[in-house]
Amino acid sequence: MTDTPAHTESDLPLACTAPATRPWWVWLIPALAAVFALVLASVYYAQRGHAITVVLSQGHGVEVGTAVRCRGIVIGKVENVRLSEDFTQVEAIVRLEPDASGIARAGSRFWLVRPRVNVNEISGLETLAGARYLSAVPGDGPRQGRFIALDEPPAIETLAPDGLEIHLTAHQRGSVQPGTMILYRQVPIGTVLSVGLAGDAASVELRAYIEPAYATLVRENSRFWNVSGVGVDLGFGGLKLQVDSLQTVLAGGIAMATPDRPGEPVRTGRRFELHPQPEPEWLAWQPRISIGAELLPAGAPRPEMVR
């Protein structure tokens, strides 16, 4: 009988372990997926545009979806409306269009366009039938994310930049207020921008704007006076009542005249006295002064200025 040899532990085969290897391209798939997700996220946030906060004293119908316009073009929309923490103001979160993010700078101004009616101006009537919107004027300061909206539209923003700005000094304010018309032969040629006391409180100072087409009418020897729109003359022929336009009756106005021999044209900043009433000779002045070409009929000869 043959004996089977006994196997020792050292004679048994040993198992070898090695880490499983995967092809390199297996890792390419999740890497590409991560890059694609990052691209989608960046495109999404780029398309959303920049978010700013516009603070208003009153909501006046502002809601989610209210448009924000600059020069009539929609540049964003209100994304959320909420009360401030102290419940004294309204905060509108505005999402700007990507190409309009440059308006989020210090100096930019925002205001709500809504119907406004007074004796000097009727504006925002398009919002009676349509939706109200926020209007904006860009600034040129550093980046900014929070803005305080104006309660009233800035008058100067609706005026041509090449107009003439002058200052008038009066003893009393009378019925003059911002928006009061400046008239030449009862034709509106400008408007009053602001009214306030002089620095020494000895007089009233007015900032006035003359439209570019009429700037040549204002000369060194021009005269300005306050008009109420109503004139009364009691003489031997009886009582004569002269009534001007309803607007000047309600809000007053400022008239101007230039002598038959006009003086030199003036520049922005020129000061004039605002007289309470005109001298009789001022009403008889009839100078011939060239005004803006856009006010003349096509092909009409321009009148020569008489000195």
C-alpha atoms as a PDB file:
ATOM      1  CA  MET A   1       0.000   0.000   0.000  1.00  0.00           C
ATOM      2  CA  THR A   2       1.356   3.291  -1.123  1.00  0.00           C
ATOM      3  CA  ASP A   3       1.134   6.228   1.224  1.00  0.00           C
ATOM      4  CA  THR A   4      -0.069   9.592  -0.251  1.00  0.00           C
ATOM      5  CA  PRO A   5       2.417  12.307   0.549  1.00  0.00           C
ATOM      6  CA  ALA A   6       1.109  15.021   2.808  1.00  0.00           C
ATOM      7  CA  HIS A   7       1.097  18.564   1.386  1.00  0.00           C
ATOM      8  CA  THR A   8       2.314  21.301   3.573  1.00  0.00           C
ATOM      9  CA  GLU A   9       0.922  24.858   3.628  1.00  0.00           C
ATOM     10  CA  SER A  10       3.925  26.100   1.733  1.00  0.00           C
ATOM     11  CA  ASP A  11       3.118  23.807  -1.147  1.00  0.00           C
ATOM     12  CA  LEU A  12      -0.377  25.349  -1.759  1.00  0.00           C
ATOM     13  CA  PRO A  13      -0.726  28.016  -4.515  1.00  0.00           C
ATOM     14  CA  LEU A  14      -1.005  31.597  -3.336  1.00  0.00           C
ATOM     15  CA  ALA A  15      -3.640  34.053  -4.686  1.00  0.00           C
ATOM     16  CA  CYS A  16      -2.284  37.380  -5.956  1.00  0.00           C
ATOM     17  CA  THR A  17      -4.430  40.560  -5.747  1.00  0.00           C
ATOM     18  CA  ALA A  18      -3.983  43.626  -7.962  1.00  0.00           C
ATOM     19  CA  PRO A  19      -6.075  46.823  -8.282  1.00  0.00           C
ATOM     20  CA  ALA A  20      -8.545  46.726 -11.141  1.00  0.00           C
ATOM     21  CA  THR A  21      -7.524  49.006 -13.988  1.00  0.00           C
ATOM     22  CA  ARG A  22     -10.023  50.973 -16.054  1.00  0.00           C
ATOM     23  CA  PRO A  23      -9.487  52.541 -19.447  1.00  0.00           C
ATOM     24  CA  TRP A  24      -8.537  56.256 -19.302  1.00  0.00           C
ATOM     25  CA  TRP A  25     -11.483  57.272 -21.443  1.00  0.00           C
ATOM     26  CA  VAL A  26     -13.928  56.138 -18.750  1.00  0.00           C
ATOM     27  CA  TRP A  27     -12.985  59.251 -16.721  1.00  0.00           C
ATOM     28  CA  LEU A  28     -13.493  61.506 -19.727  1.00  0.00           C
ATOM     29  CA  ILE A  29     -17.273  61.119 -19.641  1.00  0.00           C
ATOM     30  CA  PRO A  30     -17.900  62.598 -16.134  1.00  0.00           C
ATOM     31  CA  ALA A  31     -15.295  65.308 -16.793  1.00  0.00           C
ATOM     32  CA  LEU A  32     -17.091  66.391 -19.946  1.00  0.00           C
ATOM     33  CA  ALA A  33     -20.411  66.301 -18.095  1.00  0.00           C
ATOM     34  CA  ALA A  34     -19.025  68.585 -15.358  1.00  0.00           C
ATOM     35  CA  VAL A  35     -17.660  71.055 -17.929  1.00  0.00           C
ATOM     36  CA  PHE A  36     -20.985  71.055 -19.781  1.00  0.00           C
ATOM     37  CA  ALA A  37     -22.861  71.746 -16.538  1.00  0.00           C
ATOM     38  CA  LEU A  38     -20.555  74.664 -15.744  1.00  0.00           C
ATOM     39  CA  VAL A  39     -21.083  76.122 -19.226  1.00  0.00           C
ATOM     40  CA  LEU A  40     -24.861  75.819 -18.898  1.00  0.00           C
ATOM     41  CA  ALA A  41     -24.758  77.502 -15.483  1.00  0.00           C
ATOM     42  CA  SER A  42     -22.620  80.385 -16.736  1.00  0.00           C
ATOM     43  CA  VAL A  43     -24.872  80.906 -19.760  1.00  0.00           C
ATOM     44  CA  TYR A  44     -27.949  80.836 -17.545  1.00  0.00           C
ATOM     45  CA  TYR A  45     -26.606  83.451 -15.138  1.00  0.00           C
ATOM     46  CA  ALA A  46     -25.293  85.572 -18.010  1.00  0.00           C
ATOM     47  CA  GLN A  47     -28.712  85.578 -19.636  1.00  0.00           C
ATOM     48  CA  ARG A  48     -30.393  86.504 -16.363  1.00  0.00           C
ATOM     49  CA  GLY A  49     -28.539  89.803 -16.216  1.00  0.00           C
ATOM     50  CA  HIS A  50     -27.534  91.923 -13.237  1.00  0.00           C
ATOM     51  CA  ALA A  51     -29.919  92.416 -10.284  1.00  0.00           C
ATOM     52  CA  ILE A  52     -30.293  95.797  -8.563  1.00  0.00           C
ATOM     53  CA  THR A  53     -32.586  97.242  -5.910  1.00  0.00           C
ATOM     54  CA  VAL A  54     -34.636 100.378  -6.569  1.00  0.00           C
ATOM     55  CA  VAL A  55     -36.188 101.951  -3.473  1.00  0.00           C
ATOM     56  CA  LEU A  56     -39.437 103.916  -3.892  1.00  0.00           C
ATOM     57  CA  SER A  57     -41.335 105.988  -1.354  1.00  0.00           C
ATOM     58  CA  GLN A  58     -44.651 104.588  -2.654  1.00  0.00           C
ATOM     59  CA  GLY A  59     -45.484 101.558  -4.771  1.00  0.00           C
ATOM     60  CA  HIS A  60     -48.075 103.250  -7.027  1.00  0.00           C
ATOM     61  CA  GLY A  61     -48.913  99.969  -8.737  1.00  0.00           C
ATOM     62  CA  VAL A  62     -45.389  98.587  -9.212  1.00  0.00           C
ATOM     63  CA  GLU A  63     -45.560  94.810  -9.410  1.00  0.00           C
ATOM     64  CA  VAL A  64     -43.645  91.790 -10.620  1.00  0.00           C
ATOM     65  CA  GLY A  65     -43.113  92.201 -14.355  1.00  0.00           C
ATOM     66  CA  THR A  66     -43.140  96.015 -14.355  1.00  0.00           C
ATOM     67  CA  ALA A  67     -40.772  97.139 -17.116  1.00  0.00           C
ATOM     68  CA  VAL A  68     -37.719  99.350 -16.679  1.00  0.00           C
ATOM     69  CA  ARG A  69     -37.022 101.606 -19.660  1.00  0.00           C
ATOM     70  CA  CYS A  70     -34.211 103.852 -20.770  1.00  0.00           C
ATOM     71  CA  ARG A  71     -34.953 106.189 -23.706  1.00  0.00           C
ATOM     72  CA  GLY A  72     -38.070 104.154 -24.422  1.00  0.00           C
ATOM     73  CA  ILE A  73     -36.252 100.803 -24.627  1.00  0.00           C
ATOM     74  CA  VAL A  74     -36.964  98.031 -22.107  1.00  0.00           C
ATOM     75  CA  ILE A  75     -33.739  97.264 -20.239  1.00  0.00           C
ATOM     76  CA  GLY A  76     -35.116  95.119 -17.427  1.00  0.00           C
ATOM     77  CA  LYS A  77     -38.098  94.029 -15.394  1.00  0.00           C
ATOM     78  CA  VAL A  78     -39.112  94.016 -11.761  1.00  0.00           C
ATOM     79  CA  GLU A  79     -38.473  90.549 -10.349  1.00  0.00           C
ATOM     80  CA  ASN A  80     -39.796  91.078  -6.831  1.00  0.00           C
ATOM     81  CA  VAL A  81     -41.530  93.793  -4.781  1.00  0.00           C
ATOM     82  CA  ARG A  82     -41.404  94.003  -1.013  1.00  0.00           C
ATOM     83  CA  LEU A  83     -41.637  96.429   1.867  1.00  0.00           C
ATOM     84  CA  SER A  84     -38.483  97.585   3.590  1.00  0.00           C
ATOM     85  CA  GLU A  85     -37.689  96.222   7.024  1.00  0.00           C
ATOM     86  CA  ASP A  86     -39.126  99.313   8.732  1.00  0.00           C
ATOM     87  CA  PHE A  87     -42.217  99.349   6.446  1.00  0.00           C
ATOM     88  CA  THR A  88     -41.549 102.923   5.327  1.00  0.00           C
ATOM     89  CA  GLN A  89     -40.414 102.258   1.745  1.00  0.00           C
ATOM     90  CA  VAL A  90     -40.952  99.902  -1.168  1.00  0.00           C
ATOM     91  CA  GLU A  91     -38.038  97.887  -2.541  1.00  0.00           C
ATOM     92  CA  ALA A  92     -38.231  96.704  -6.143  1.00  0.00           C
ATOM     93  CA  ILE A  93     -35.736  94.033  -7.178  1.00  0.00           C
ATOM     94  CA  VAL A  94     -34.956  94.726 -10.830  1.00  0.00           C
ATOM     95  CA  ARG A  95     -33.331  92.195 -13.139  1.00  0.00           C
ATOM     96  CA  LEU A  96     -31.498  94.090 -15.894  1.00  0.00           C
ATOM     97  CA  GLU A  97     -30.944  92.772 -19.389  1.00  0.00           C
ATOM     98  CA  PRO A  98     -27.379  91.490 -19.917  1.00  0.00           C
ATOM     99  CA  ASP A  99     -26.483  94.339 -22.285  1.00  0.00           C
ATOM    100  CA  ALA A 100     -27.906  96.934 -19.872  1.00  0.00           C
ATOM    101  CA  SER A 101     -25.902  96.017 -16.777  1.00  0.00           C
ATOM    102  CA  GLY A 102     -23.779  99.148 -17.301  1.00  0.00           C
ATOM    103  CA  ILE A 103     -26.610 101.280 -15.922  1.00  0.00           C
ATOM    104  CA  ALA A 104     -25.960  99.845 -12.451  1.00  0.00           C
ATOM    105  CA  ARG A 105     -23.579 102.703 -11.612  1.00  0.00           C
ATOM    106  CA  ALA A 106     -23.582 105.580  -9.157  1.00  0.00           C
ATOM    107  CA  GLY A 107     -25.310 108.589 -10.624  1.00  0.00           C
ATOM    108  CA  SER A 108     -27.991 106.609 -12.443  1.00  0.00           C
ATOM    109  CA  ARG A 109     -31.491 107.851 -11.687  1.00  0.00           C
ATOM    110  CA  PHE A 110     -34.765 105.959 -11.584  1.00  0.00           C
ATOM    111  CA  TRP A 111     -38.350 107.177 -11.257  1.00  0.00           C
ATOM    112  CA  LEU A 112     -41.828 105.784 -11.729  1.00  0.00           C
ATOM    113  CA  VAL A 113     -43.714 106.946 -14.820  1.00  0.00           C
ATOM    114  CA  ARG A 114     -47.385 107.349 -13.949  1.00  0.00           C
ATOM    115  CA  PRO A 115     -50.148 109.833 -14.823  1.00  0.00           C
ATOM    116  CA  ARG A 116     -49.315 113.324 -13.516  1.00  0.00           C
ATOM    117  CA  VAL A 117     -51.593 116.307 -14.024  1.00  0.00           C
ATOM    118  CA  ASN A 118     -50.982 119.858 -12.832  1.00  0.00           C
ATOM    119  CA  VAL A 119     -51.404 123.371 -14.175  1.00  0.00           C
ATOM    120  CA  ASN A 120     -47.976 123.300 -15.823  1.00  0.00           C
ATOM    121  CA  GLU A 121     -47.737 119.812 -17.195  1.00  0.00           C
ATOM    122  CA  ILE A 122     -49.643 116.702 -18.138  1.00  0.00           C
ATOM    123  CA  SER A 123     -47.408 113.660 -18.409  1.00  0.00           C
ATOM    124  CA  GLY A 124     -47.477 109.897 -18.232  1.00  0.00           C
ATOM    125  CA  LEU A 125     -50.881 109.658 -19.886  1.00  0.00           C
ATOM    126  CA  GLU A 126     -49.780 106.542 -21.780  1.00  0.00           C
ATOM    127  CA  THR A 127     -49.892 104.725 -18.430  1.00  0.00           C
ATOM    128  CA  LEU A 128     -53.635 105.364 -18.087  1.00  0.00           C
ATOM    129  CA  ALA A 129     -54.372 102.630 -20.609  1.00  0.00           C
ATOM    130  CA  GLY A 130     -51.058 100.776 -20.387  1.00  0.00           C
ATOM    131  CA  ALA A 131     -48.884  99.529 -17.597  1.00  0.00           C
ATOM    132  CA  ARG A 132     -46.779 101.830 -15.466  1.00  0.00           C
ATOM    133  CA  TYR A 133     -43.032 101.504 -15.721  1.00  0.00           C
ATOM    134  CA  LEU A 134     -39.765 102.645 -14.214  1.00  0.00           C
ATOM    135  CA  SER A 135     -37.694 105.043 -16.272  1.00  0.00           C
ATOM    136  CA  ALA A 136     -33.913 105.294 -15.948  1.00  0.00           C
ATOM    137  CA  VAL A 137     -31.102 107.665 -16.865  1.00  0.00           C
ATOM    138  CA  PRO A 138     -27.583 106.196 -16.762  1.00  0.00           C
ATOM    139  CA  GLY A 139     -24.821 107.553 -14.554  1.00  0.00           C
ATOM    140  CA  ASP A 140     -21.059 107.299 -14.906  1.00  0.00           C
ATOM    141  CA  GLY A 141     -19.906 106.467 -11.386  1.00  0.00           C
ATOM    142  CA  PRO A 142     -18.599 103.221  -9.896  1.00  0.00           C
ATOM    143  CA  ARG A 143     -20.647 100.048  -9.750  1.00  0.00           C
ATOM    144  CA  GLN A 144     -23.650 100.228  -7.463  1.00  0.00           C
ATOM    145  CA  GLY A 145     -26.477  97.853  -6.640  1.00  0.00           C
ATOM    146  CA  ARG A 146     -28.953  99.992  -4.671  1.00  0.00           C
ATOM    147  CA  PHE A 147     -30.698 103.152  -5.882  1.00  0.00           C
ATOM    148  CA  ILE A 148     -33.199 105.600  -4.371  1.00  0.00           C
ATOM    149  CA  ALA A 149     -35.897 106.430  -6.921  1.00  0.00           C
ATOM    150  CA  LEU A 150     -36.895 110.050  -7.516  1.00  0.00           C
ATOM    151  CA  ASP A 151     -40.397 111.077  -6.475  1.00  0.00           C
ATOM    152  CA  GLU A 152     -40.723 113.354  -9.522  1.00  0.00           C
ATOM    153  CA  PRO A 153     -39.280 113.028 -13.034  1.00  0.00           C
ATOM    154  CA  PRO A 154     -36.125 115.128 -13.447  1.00  0.00           C
ATOM    155  CA  ALA A 155     -37.136 118.058 -15.651  1.00  0.00           C
ATOM    156  CA  ILE A 156     -33.684 118.525 -17.112  1.00  0.00           C
ATOM    157  CA  GLU A 157     -33.605 115.018 -18.561  1.00  0.00           C
ATOM    158  CA  THR A 158     -36.359 115.860 -21.051  1.00  0.00           C
ATOM    159  CA  LEU A 159     -34.515 118.945 -22.309  1.00  0.00           C
ATOM    160  CA  ALA A 160     -32.005 119.201 -25.136  1.00  0.00           C
ATOM    161  CA  PRO A 161     -28.422 119.339 -23.793  1.00  0.00           C
ATOM    162  CA  ASP A 162     -27.425 122.273 -26.026  1.00  0.00           C
ATOM    163  CA  GLY A 163     -30.042 124.684 -24.658  1.00  0.00           C
ATOM    164  CA  LEU A 164     -29.318 127.915 -22.784  1.00  0.00           C
ATOM    165  CA  GLU A 165     -29.535 128.055 -18.992  1.00  0.00           C
ATOM    166  CA  ILE A 166     -29.883 131.474 -17.361  1.00  0.00           C
ATOM    167  CA  HIS A 167     -30.571 132.799 -13.855  1.00  0.00           C
ATOM    168  CA  LEU A 168     -33.298 135.275 -12.929  1.00  0.00           C
ATOM    169  CA  THR A 169     -33.400 137.314  -9.726  1.00  0.00           C
ATOM    170  CA  ALA A 170     -36.675 138.613  -8.292  1.00  0.00           C
ATOM    171  CA  HIS A 171     -37.847 140.335  -5.101  1.00  0.00           C
ATOM    172  CA  GLN A 172     -40.820 137.986  -4.737  1.00  0.00           C
ATOM    173  CA  ARG A 173     -41.586 134.535  -6.050  1.00  0.00           C
ATOM    174  CA  GLY A 174     -45.144 135.362  -7.051  1.00  0.00           C
ATOM    175  CA  SER A 175     -46.825 132.505  -8.884  1.00  0.00           C
ATOM    176  CA  VAL A 176     -43.598 131.232 -10.459  1.00  0.00           C
ATOM    177  CA  GLN A 177     -42.753 127.609  -9.793  1.00  0.00           C
ATOM    178  CA  PRO A 178     -40.738 124.841 -11.486  1.00  0.00           C
ATOM    179  CA  GLY A 179     -42.348 124.201 -14.843  1.00  0.00           C
ATOM    180  CA  THR A 180     -43.559 127.786 -15.353  1.00  0.00           C
ATOM    181  CA  MET A 181     -43.295 128.709 -19.032  1.00  0.00           C
ATOM    182  CA  ILE A 182     -41.018 131.400 -20.442  1.00  0.00           C
ATOM    183  CA  LEU A 183     -42.765 133.216 -23.288  1.00  0.00           C
ATOM    184  CA  TYR A 184     -41.647 135.333 -26.211  1.00  0.00           C
ATOM    185  CA  ARG A 185     -44.629 137.013 -27.915  1.00  0.00           C
ATOM    186  CA  GLN A 186     -46.798 134.513 -26.033  1.00  0.00           C
ATOM    187  CA  VAL A 187     -44.915 131.597 -27.627  1.00  0.00           C
ATOM    188  CA  PRO A 188     -43.306 129.178 -25.133  1.00  0.00           C
ATOM    189  CA  ILE A 189     -39.522 129.180 -25.572  1.00  0.00           C
ATOM    190  CA  GLY A 190     -38.368 127.732 -22.262  1.00  0.00           C
ATOM    191  CA  THR A 191     -39.232 126.725 -18.740  1.00  0.00           C
ATOM    192  CA  VAL A 192     -38.300 127.404 -15.132  1.00  0.00           C
ATOM    193  CA  LEU A 193     -36.230 124.574 -13.665  1.00  0.00           C
ATOM    194  CA  SER A 194     -36.020 125.603 -10.012  1.00  0.00           C
ATOM    195  CA  VAL A 195     -37.024 128.370  -7.605  1.00  0.00           C
ATOM    196  CA  GLY A 196     -35.335 129.166  -4.297  1.00  0.00           C
ATOM    197  CA  LEU A 197     -33.924 131.828  -2.032  1.00  0.00           C
ATOM    198  CA  ALA A 198     -30.581 133.390  -2.816  1.00  0.00           C
ATOM    199  CA  GLY A 199     -27.636 132.562  -0.591  1.00  0.00           C
ATOM    200  CA  ASP A 200     -28.156 135.708   1.484  1.00  0.00           C
ATOM    201  CA  ALA A 201     -31.984 135.314   1.498  1.00  0.00           C
ATOM    202  CA  ALA A 202     -32.290 138.863   0.110  1.00  0.00           C
ATOM    203  CA  SER A 203     -33.943 137.768  -3.138  1.00  0.00           C
ATOM    204  CA  VAL A 204     -35.430 134.848  -5.023  1.00  0.00           C
ATOM    205  CA  GLU A 205     -33.325 133.080  -7.631  1.00  0.00           C
ATOM    206  CA  LEU A 206     -34.721 131.119 -10.556  1.00  0.00           C
ATOM    207  CA  ARG A 207     -32.936 128.730 -12.883  1.00  0.00           C
ATOM    208  CA  ALA A 208     -34.450 128.926 -16.343  1.00  0.00           C
ATOM    209  CA  TYR A 209     -33.900 126.923 -19.490  1.00  0.00           C
ATOM    210  CA  ILE A 210     -34.267 128.282 -23.048  1.00  0.00           C
ATOM    211  CA  GLU A 211     -34.715 125.785 -25.862  1.00  0.00           C
ATOM    212  CA  PRO A 212     -31.815 125.610 -28.345  1.00  0.00           C
ATOM    213  CA  ALA A 213     -33.889 126.919 -31.264  1.00  0.00           C
ATOM    214  CA  TYR A 214     -34.727 130.093 -29.311  1.00  0.00           C
ATOM    215  CA  ALA A 215     -31.410 130.688 -27.547  1.00  0.00           C
ATOM    216  CA  THR A 216     -30.477 133.476 -29.983  1.00  0.00           C
ATOM    217  CA  LEU A 217     -33.431 135.526 -28.745  1.00  0.00           C
ATOM    218  CA  VAL A 218     -31.758 136.088 -25.379  1.00  0.00           C
ATOM    219  CA  ARG A 219     -29.292 139.006 -25.549  1.00  0.00           C
ATOM    220  CA  GLU A 220     -27.353 141.106 -23.077  1.00  0.00           C
ATOM    221  CA  ASN A 221     -30.076 143.787 -23.126  1.00  0.00           C
ATOM    222  CA  SER A 222     -33.096 141.439 -23.003  1.00  0.00           C
ATOM    223  CA  ARG A 223     -35.749 142.058 -20.350  1.00  0.00           C
ATOM    224  CA  PHE A 224     -37.799 139.575 -18.336  1.00  0.00           C
ATOM    225  CA  TRP A 225     -40.971 140.185 -16.339  1.00  0.00           C
ATOM    226  CA  ASN A 226     -43.619 138.258 -14.483  1.00  0.00           C
ATOM    227  CA  VAL A 227     -47.013 137.783 -16.134  1.00  0.00           C
ATOM    228  CA  SER A 228     -50.211 136.622 -14.461  1.00  0.00           C
ATOM    229  CA  GLY A 229     -52.276 136.204 -17.587  1.00  0.00           C
ATOM    230  CA  VAL A 230     -54.870 138.800 -16.527  1.00  0.00           C
ATOM    231  CA  GLY A 231     -54.688 142.527 -17.233  1.00  0.00           C
ATOM    232  CA  VAL A 232     -57.125 145.226 -16.075  1.00  0.00           C
ATOM    233  CA  ASP A 233     -57.306 148.742 -17.545  1.00  0.00           C
ATOM    234  CA  LEU A 234     -59.744 151.251 -16.082  1.00  0.00           C
ATOM    235  CA  GLY A 235     -59.987 154.425 -18.187  1.00  0.00           C
ATOM    236  CA  PHE A 236     -62.423 156.848 -19.711  1.00  0.00           C
ATOM    237  CA  GLY A 237     -63.554 154.162 -22.116  1.00  0.00           C
ATOM    238  CA  GLY A 238     -64.576 151.883 -19.262  1.00  0.00           C
ATOM    239  CA  LEU A 239     -63.129 148.735 -17.761  1.00  0.00           C
ATOM    240  CA  LYS A 240     -61.030 146.576 -20.070  1.00  0.00           C
ATOM    241  CA  LEU A 241     -60.137 143.071 -19.017  1.00  0.00           C
ATOM    242  CA  GLN A 242     -57.412 141.222 -20.899  1.00  0.00           C
ATOM    243  CA  VAL A 243     -57.104 137.505 -20.220  1.00  0.00           C
ATOM    244  CA  ASP A 244     -54.130 135.505 -21.440  1.00  0.00           C
ATOM    245  CA  SER A 245     -53.995 131.730 -21.786  1.00  0.00           C
ATOM    246  CA  LEU A 246     -55.620 129.586 -19.109  1.00  0.00           C
ATOM    247  CA  GLN A 247     -52.239 128.130 -18.212  1.00  0.00           C
ATOM    248  CA  THR A 248     -50.722 131.519 -17.404  1.00  0.00           C
ATOM    249  CA  VAL A 249     -53.849 132.509 -15.488  1.00  0.00           C
ATOM    250  CA  LEU A 250     -53.501 129.446 -13.263  1.00  0.00           C
ATOM    251  CA  ALA A 251     -49.724 129.081 -13.032  1.00  0.00           C
ATOM    252  CA  GLY A 252     -48.342 132.402 -14.196  1.00  0.00           C
ATOM    253  CA  GLY A 253     -45.500 132.809 -16.624  1.00  0.00           C
ATOM    254  CA  ILE A 254     -42.385 134.788 -17.458  1.00  0.00           C
ATOM    255  CA  ALA A 255     -42.295 136.959 -20.560  1.00  0.00           C
ATOM    256  CA  MET A 256     -39.208 138.308 -22.254  1.00  0.00           C
ATOM    257  CA  ALA A 257     -38.436 140.936 -24.883  1.00  0.00           C
ATOM    258  CA  THR A 258     -35.333 142.036 -26.741  1.00  0.00           C
ATOM    259  CA  PRO A 259     -34.751 145.579 -28.068  1.00  0.00           C
ATOM    260  CA  ASP A 260     -34.875 146.471 -31.753  1.00  0.00           C
ATOM    261  CA  ARG A 261     -31.090 146.677 -31.601  1.00  0.00           C
ATOM    262  CA  PRO A 262     -30.209 143.412 -29.880  1.00  0.00           C
ATOM    263  CA  GLY A 263     -27.107 143.145 -27.758  1.00  0.00           C
ATOM    264  CA  GLU A 264     -24.557 140.370 -27.860  1.00  0.00           C
ATOM    265  CA  PRO A 265     -25.750 136.764 -27.408  1.00  0.00           C
ATOM    266  CA  VAL A 266     -25.314 135.405 -23.884  1.00  0.00           C
ATOM    267  CA  ARG A 267     -23.840 132.195 -22.562  1.00  0.00           C
ATOM    268  CA  THR A 268     -25.102 129.755 -19.976  1.00  0.00           C
ATOM    269  CA  GLY A 269     -25.025 131.267 -16.490  1.00  0.00           C
ATOM    270  CA  ARG A 270     -25.989 134.826 -17.479  1.00  0.00           C
ATOM    271  CA  ARG A 271     -28.034 136.632 -14.798  1.00  0.00           C
ATOM    272  CA  PHE A 272     -31.054 138.850 -15.437  1.00  0.00           C
ATOM    273  CA  GLU A 273     -33.454 140.728 -13.212  1.00  0.00           C
ATOM    274  CA  LEU A 274     -37.046 139.518 -13.204  1.00  0.00           C
ATOM    275  CA  HIS A 275     -39.239 142.623 -13.188  1.00  0.00           C
ATOM    276  CA  PRO A 276     -42.742 142.603 -11.685  1.00  0.00           C
ATOM    277  CA  GLN A 277     -44.194 144.238 -14.829  1.00  0.00           C
ATOM    278  CA  PRO A 278     -42.945 145.483 -18.226  1.00  0.00           C
ATOM    279  CA  GLU A 279     -42.199 148.996 -19.321  1.00  0.00           C
ATOM    280  CA  PRO A 280     -44.470 150.182 -22.177  1.00  0.00           C
ATOM    281  CA  GLU A 281     -41.550 150.392 -24.595  1.00  0.00           C
ATOM    282  CA  TRP A 282     -40.642 146.748 -24.042  1.00  0.00           C
ATOM    283  CA  LEU A 283     -43.970 145.682 -25.503  1.00  0.00           C
ATOM    284  CA  ALA A 284     -43.259 147.673 -28.669  1.00  0.00           C
ATOM    285  CA  TRP A 285     -39.874 146.101 -29.413  1.00  0.00           C
ATOM    286  CA  GLN A 286     -39.837 144.139 -32.683  1.00  0.00           C
ATOM    287  CA  PRO A 287     -36.301 142.915 -33.409  1.00  0.00           C
ATOM    288  CA  ARG A 288     -35.622 140.595 -36.316  1.00  0.00           C
ATOM    289  CA  ILE A 289     -33.484 137.751 -34.971  1.00  0.00           C
ATOM    290  CA  SER A 290     -32.730 134.489 -36.704  1.00  0.00           C
ATOM    291  CA  ILE A 291     -33.942 131.460 -34.772  1.00  0.00           C
ATOM    292  CA  GLY A 292     -33.527 127.724 -35.216  1.00  0.00           C
ATOM    293  CA  ALA A 293     -33.716 126.541 -38.812  1.00  0.00           C
ATOM    294  CA  GLU A 294     -35.970 123.654 -37.790  1.00  0.00           C
ATOM    295  CA  LEU A 295     -38.721 126.151 -36.933  1.00  0.00           C
ATOM    296  CA  LEU A 296     -38.765 127.699 -40.425  1.00  0.00           C
ATOM    297  CA  PRO A 297     -40.726 126.233 -43.354  1.00  0.00           C
ATOM    298  CA  ALA A 298     -38.700 124.182 -45.790  1.00  0.00           C
ATOM    299  CA  GLY A 299     -37.053 126.428 -48.372  1.00  0.00           C
ATOM    300  CA  ALA A 300     -37.990 129.637 -46.565  1.00  0.00           C
ATOM    301  CA  PRO A 301     -35.261 132.313 -46.489  1.00  0.00           C
ATOM    302  CA  ARG A 302     -33.756 133.028 -43.107  1.00  0.00           C
ATOM    303  CA  PRO A 303     -34.329 136.619 -41.948  1.00  0.00           C
ATOM    304  CA  GLU A 304     -31.253 138.744 -41.413  1.00  0.00           C
ATOM    305  CA  MET A 305     -30.635 140.057 -37.932  1.00  0.00           C
ATOM    306  CA  VAL A 306     -30.951 143.834 -37.665  1.00  0.00           C
ATOM    307  CA  ARG A 307     -28.524 145.621 -35.344  1.00  0.00           C
END
